[in-house]
Amino acid sequence: MEKVLARYWWSFYVRGIIAILIGLIAIFLPEVTLEVLAVLIGAFFLVDGIFSIAASFGSRRSSGERWWIFVLEGIVGVVIGIMTFIWPEVTVMALVLLVSVWALITGILEIIASVKLRRLIENEWLLTFTGILSILFALILAISPGAGAFVLVWLLGLYAIFFGILLIFFGRKLKKIEF
C-alpha cells in the first residue's frame, strides 16, 4: 500500500487543490454553494426514485411480493427531487433544520453523559460545556435558519480549505518516500 500511495503522491496535491478551491467558493460565494447543494440533493432524490421504480418492476416479475412499496418509494423520491429543483430554498432550510435537530439531540445526550460520568472522571464539565454549545448552536439554527445556512456553508468552506492543505502536505511527504 505504501508503494501505491508514494507512486500517486500527486493525486493528494490534486485533491488538496480541489478541496481548497471548493472551500474558497463556499466562503466567497455562499449563495452559489447553497444552490449547488440543493441541486445535488434534488438530483439524488430524483435518480434514487427512478432506480427504485425500475427495481420495483424487476421485483414484480421475479417475486411478485410487495413490489408496489418500491413504486411508492420511487414516486416519493421523484416528487421530492422535482420539488427540490422548484424550491431549492426549502431544501436548504430543511437541511439546516435537520442539522439543528441533530445538534440539539447531541447536546442533550452529551449533558446526560457528563452527569453520568462525573463520578468516574475529572473535568466532566468539558462534556457538559460541549453539550451546552451544541444546544446553543441548535437554537441559533432553528431561530434563524437562513443565517444558519450561511454559517454551515462557511464552516464547510473552512473545513475544505484545511482538509486541502493537509492533503497537499501529506502528498508532499509521500513524494519524498523512495522505494
Protein backbone atom coordinates (compact mmCIF):
# COMPACT_ATOMS: atom_id res chain seq x y z
CA MET A 1 0.00 0.00 0.00
CA GLU A 2 2.83 2.38 0.80
CA LYS A 3 4.26 1.99 -2.69
CA VAL A 4 0.93 2.78 -4.29
CA LEU A 5 0.48 5.86 -2.12
CA ALA A 6 4.01 7.04 -2.83
CA ARG A 7 3.58 6.44 -6.57
CA TYR A 8 0.42 8.55 -6.65
CA TRP A 9 1.60 11.35 -4.35
CA TRP A 10 0.41 13.85 -6.94
CA SER A 11 -3.22 12.76 -6.52
CA PHE A 12 -3.13 14.18 -2.99
CA TYR A 13 -1.95 17.50 -4.43
CA VAL A 14 -4.82 17.49 -6.92
CA ARG A 15 -7.38 16.53 -4.28
CA GLY A 16 -5.97 19.19 -1.95
CA ILE A 17 -6.16 21.91 -4.57
CA ILE A 18 -9.73 20.94 -5.47
CA ALA A 19 -10.73 20.95 -1.78
CA ILE A 20 -9.17 24.39 -1.30
CA LEU A 21 -10.99 25.74 -4.37
CA ILE A 22 -14.30 24.33 -3.11
CA GLY A 23 -13.61 25.88 0.29
CA LEU A 24 -12.89 29.28 -1.23
CA ILE A 25 -16.05 29.10 -3.35
CA ALA A 26 -18.08 28.18 -0.25
CA ILE A 27 -16.69 31.12 1.69
CA PHE A 28 -16.79 33.78 -1.02
CA LEU A 29 -19.89 32.59 -2.92
CA PRO A 30 -22.12 31.01 -0.26
CA GLU A 31 -25.32 31.54 -2.28
CA VAL A 32 -23.90 29.51 -5.18
CA THR A 33 -22.76 26.79 -2.78
CA LEU A 34 -26.24 26.55 -1.26
CA GLU A 35 -27.87 26.35 -4.69
CA VAL A 36 -25.46 23.63 -5.82
CA LEU A 37 -26.10 21.71 -2.61
CA ALA A 38 -29.85 21.90 -3.17
CA VAL A 39 -29.47 20.75 -6.79
CA LEU A 40 -27.27 17.82 -5.75
CA ILE A 41 -29.79 16.75 -3.11
CA GLY A 42 -32.60 17.06 -5.63
CA ALA A 43 -30.67 15.08 -8.23
CA PHE A 44 -30.03 12.34 -5.69
CA PHE A 45 -33.73 12.06 -4.79
CA LEU A 46 -34.74 12.06 -8.45
CA VAL A 47 -32.23 9.41 -9.55
CA ASP A 48 -32.88 7.31 -6.44
CA GLY A 49 -36.61 7.45 -7.12
CA ILE A 50 -36.19 6.42 -10.75
CA PHE A 51 -33.99 3.47 -9.77
CA SER A 52 -36.46 2.45 -7.08
CA ILE A 53 -39.31 2.41 -9.59
CA ALA A 54 -37.20 0.41 -12.05
CA ALA A 55 -36.24 -2.07 -9.32
CA SER A 56 -39.88 -2.48 -8.33
CA PHE A 57 -40.88 -3.64 -11.79
CA GLY A 58 -37.99 -6.10 -11.83
CA SER A 59 -39.09 -7.35 -8.42
CA ARG A 60 -42.67 -7.69 -9.59
CA ARG A 61 -41.67 -10.05 -12.36
CA SER A 62 -39.44 -12.24 -10.22
CA SER A 63 -41.19 -12.44 -6.87
CA GLY A 64 -44.48 -10.63 -7.10
CA GLU A 65 -44.28 -9.70 -3.42
CA ARG A 66 -44.93 -6.15 -2.31
CA TRP A 67 -43.35 -4.58 -5.36
CA TRP A 68 -45.73 -1.63 -5.07
CA ILE A 69 -43.86 -0.41 -1.97
CA PHE A 70 -40.81 0.29 -4.13
CA VAL A 71 -43.00 2.06 -6.68
CA LEU A 72 -44.40 4.25 -3.91
CA GLU A 73 -40.91 4.92 -2.56
CA GLY A 74 -39.73 5.80 -6.07
CA ILE A 75 -42.63 8.14 -6.72
CA VAL A 76 -41.97 9.95 -3.44
CA GLY A 77 -38.28 10.28 -4.39
CA VAL A 78 -39.09 11.65 -7.84
CA VAL A 79 -41.64 14.11 -6.45
CA ILE A 80 -39.27 15.35 -3.74
CA GLY A 81 -36.48 15.62 -6.32
CA ILE A 82 -38.65 17.74 -8.59
CA MET A 83 -39.82 19.87 -5.64
CA THR A 84 -36.18 20.42 -4.70
CA PHE A 85 -35.48 21.80 -8.17
CA ILE A 86 -38.56 24.03 -8.00
CA TRP A 87 -37.97 25.25 -4.41
CA PRO A 88 -34.24 24.89 -3.61
CA GLU A 89 -34.56 27.30 -0.68
CA VAL A 90 -36.92 24.89 1.07
CA THR A 91 -34.37 22.10 0.66
CA VAL A 92 -31.61 24.20 2.18
CA MET A 93 -33.80 25.27 5.09
CA ALA A 94 -34.85 21.66 5.72
CA LEU A 95 -31.19 20.64 5.76
CA VAL A 96 -30.39 23.41 8.25
CA LEU A 97 -33.28 22.35 10.47
CA LEU A 98 -32.12 18.72 10.34
CA VAL A 99 -28.66 19.81 11.46
CA SER A 100 -30.35 21.85 14.20
CA VAL A 101 -32.28 18.80 15.44
CA TRP A 102 -29.11 16.71 15.31
CA ALA A 103 -27.17 19.32 17.31
CA LEU A 104 -29.98 19.57 19.88
CA ILE A 105 -30.18 15.81 20.42
CA THR A 106 -26.40 15.53 20.53
CA GLY A 107 -26.17 18.34 23.08
CA ILE A 108 -28.77 16.78 25.34
CA LEU A 109 -27.05 13.38 25.16
CA GLU A 110 -23.67 14.95 25.90
CA ILE A 111 -25.04 16.62 29.03
CA ILE A 112 -26.66 13.37 30.17
CA ALA A 113 -23.39 11.52 29.61
CA SER A 114 -21.42 14.13 31.54
CA VAL A 115 -23.77 13.80 34.52
CA LYS A 116 -23.37 10.02 34.50
CA LEU A 117 -19.60 10.27 34.11
CA ARG A 118 -18.99 12.84 36.86
CA ARG A 119 -18.22 10.11 39.40
CA LEU A 120 -15.78 8.35 37.08
CA ILE A 121 -13.69 11.11 35.56
CA GLU A 122 -12.47 14.58 36.38
CA ASN A 123 -13.33 17.58 34.25
CA GLU A 124 -16.59 16.12 33.02
CA TRP A 125 -17.66 19.75 32.77
CA LEU A 126 -15.93 19.77 29.37
CA LEU A 127 -18.56 17.37 28.06
CA THR A 128 -21.28 19.45 29.72
CA PHE A 129 -19.89 22.56 28.06
CA THR A 130 -19.80 20.76 24.71
CA GLY A 131 -23.44 19.80 25.20
CA ILE A 132 -24.40 23.37 26.02
CA LEU A 133 -22.57 24.63 22.92
CA SER A 134 -24.39 22.05 20.79
CA ILE A 135 -27.75 23.14 22.19
CA LEU A 136 -26.95 26.83 21.62
CA PHE A 137 -25.89 26.04 18.06
CA ALA A 138 -29.16 24.16 17.53
CA LEU A 139 -31.20 27.08 18.84
CA ILE A 140 -29.36 29.58 16.65
CA LEU A 141 -30.00 27.42 13.59
CA ALA A 142 -33.67 26.92 14.49
CA ILE A 143 -34.32 30.59 15.23
CA SER A 144 -32.52 31.87 12.14
CA PRO A 145 -32.20 29.08 9.56
CA GLY A 146 -31.23 31.48 6.78
CA ALA A 147 -28.22 32.76 8.67
CA GLY A 148 -27.59 29.21 9.86
CA ALA A 149 -27.35 28.02 6.27
CA PHE A 150 -24.60 30.54 5.57
CA VAL A 151 -22.78 29.60 8.77
CA LEU A 152 -22.87 25.94 7.73
CA VAL A 153 -21.53 26.81 4.29
CA TRP A 154 -18.71 28.88 5.78
CA LEU A 155 -17.83 26.07 8.17
CA LEU A 156 -17.85 23.66 5.24
CA GLY A 157 -15.59 26.08 3.36
CA LEU A 158 -13.13 26.36 6.23
CA TYR A 159 -13.10 22.60 6.64
CA ALA A 160 -12.45 22.09 2.92
CA ILE A 161 -9.56 24.57 2.94
CA PHE A 162 -7.85 22.96 5.95
CA PHE A 163 -8.55 19.48 4.56
CA GLY A 164 -7.00 20.51 1.25
CA ILE A 165 -3.92 21.96 2.91
CA LEU A 166 -3.42 18.76 4.90
CA LEU A 167 -3.79 16.65 1.75
CA ILE A 168 -1.14 18.73 0.00
CA PHE A 169 1.25 18.36 2.93
CA PHE A 170 0.58 14.63 3.01
CA GLY A 171 1.27 14.38 -0.72
CA ARG A 172 4.49 16.29 -0.18
CA LYS A 173 5.59 13.76 2.42
CA LEU A 174 4.67 10.87 0.12
CA LYS A 175 6.70 12.42 -2.69
CA LYS A 176 9.83 12.16 -0.54
CA ILE A 177 9.41 8.41 0.03
CA GLU A 178 11.74 6.28 -2.11
CA PHE A 179 11.41 2.55 -2.66
